Amino acid sequence: MRQGKNIICNRCGKRFAADGSKSGQEAIHVEKEWGYFSSRDGIRQMFDLCENCYDEWISSFRFLPENQEETEFL
């Protein structure tokens, strides 16, 4: 959840700066607009997860996300 310049993890409630400057932690932002024939037709959902909650979430996946190393940072 975004709140001004802060992010609040939707799962654990941890609050930290959106730019990661104070905590050194980042978040993942997920946004999905559901389409026709979905049980959520016409609804847009958004949530943020801190790194710890993201790690716990993906550990439950049958197939882990692919990793691709980035060498250039903006």
Protein backbone atom coordinates (compact mmCIF):
# COMPACT_ATOMS: atom_id res chain seq x y z
CA MET A 1 0.00 0.00 0.00
CA ARG A 2 1.41 3.38 -0.95
CA GLN A 3 1.02 6.18 1.54
CA GLY A 4 2.77 9.37 0.51
CA LYS A 5 6.50 8.65 0.36
CA ASN A 6 6.08 5.45 2.33
CA ILE A 7 5.18 1.91 1.43
CA ILE A 8 3.25 -0.32 3.79
CA CYS A 9 3.50 -4.04 3.15
CA ASN A 10 -0.02 -5.35 2.60
CA ARG A 11 0.87 -8.66 4.27
CA CYS A 12 2.84 -7.79 7.43
CA GLY A 13 2.19 -4.05 7.78
CA LYS A 14 5.87 -3.08 7.81
CA ARG A 15 6.32 0.58 6.87
CA PHE A 16 9.37 1.91 5.06
CA ALA A 17 10.50 4.67 2.69
CA ALA A 18 9.47 4.12 -0.93
CA ASP A 19 13.01 4.85 -2.14
CA GLY A 20 14.56 2.29 0.25
CA SER A 21 16.88 4.97 1.61
CA LYS A 22 16.37 4.39 5.33
CA SER A 23 15.78 0.66 5.56
CA GLY A 24 17.74 -0.57 2.56
CA GLN A 25 14.67 -2.65 1.76
CA GLU A 26 12.59 -2.51 -1.37
CA ALA A 27 9.13 -3.74 -2.20
CA ILE A 28 7.36 -5.37 -5.10
CA HIS A 29 4.26 -3.64 -6.43
CA VAL A 30 1.66 -5.87 -8.07
CA GLU A 31 -1.19 -4.43 -10.09
CA LYS A 32 -3.80 -6.44 -11.96
CA GLU A 33 -6.84 -5.31 -13.93
CA TRP A 34 -9.16 -8.29 -14.18
CA GLY A 35 -10.86 -8.95 -17.50
CA TYR A 36 -14.14 -10.27 -18.81
CA PHE A 37 -15.50 -13.54 -17.46
CA SER A 38 -13.26 -13.38 -14.40
CA SER A 39 -14.91 -13.47 -10.98
CA ARG A 40 -13.27 -10.04 -10.53
CA ASP A 41 -14.44 -8.62 -13.87
CA GLY A 42 -13.79 -4.87 -14.04
CA ILE A 43 -11.80 -4.69 -10.80
CA ARG A 44 -8.24 -3.41 -10.52
CA GLN A 45 -6.29 -4.71 -7.53
CA MET A 46 -2.95 -3.42 -6.29
CA PHE A 47 -0.70 -4.47 -3.43
CA ASP A 48 2.85 -4.10 -2.16
CA LEU A 49 4.98 -6.71 -0.43
CA CYS A 50 8.24 -6.15 1.44
CA GLU A 51 11.18 -8.36 0.49
CA ASN A 52 10.62 -10.74 3.40
CA CYS A 53 6.95 -11.30 2.56
CA TYR A 54 7.82 -11.64 -1.13
CA ASP A 55 10.38 -14.34 -0.28
CA GLU A 56 7.81 -16.23 1.80
CA TRP A 57 5.21 -15.89 -0.95
CA ILE A 58 7.40 -17.19 -3.78
CA SER A 59 8.65 -20.07 -1.64
CA SER A 60 5.12 -21.47 -1.98
CA PHE A 61 5.30 -21.45 -5.81
CA ARG A 62 5.59 -24.75 -7.62
CA PHE A 63 7.87 -23.04 -10.16
CA LEU A 64 10.10 -20.28 -8.85
CA PRO A 65 10.40 -17.03 -10.81
CA GLU A 66 13.21 -16.85 -13.33
CA ASN A 67 16.18 -14.73 -12.32
CA GLN A 68 18.01 -12.52 -14.76
CA GLU A 69 21.00 -10.57 -13.51
CA GLU A 70 21.03 -6.88 -14.37
CA THR A 71 24.37 -5.17 -14.78
CA GLU A 72 23.14 -1.63 -15.41
CA PHE A 73 21.11 0.26 -12.85
CA LEU A 74 19.27 3.51 -13.50
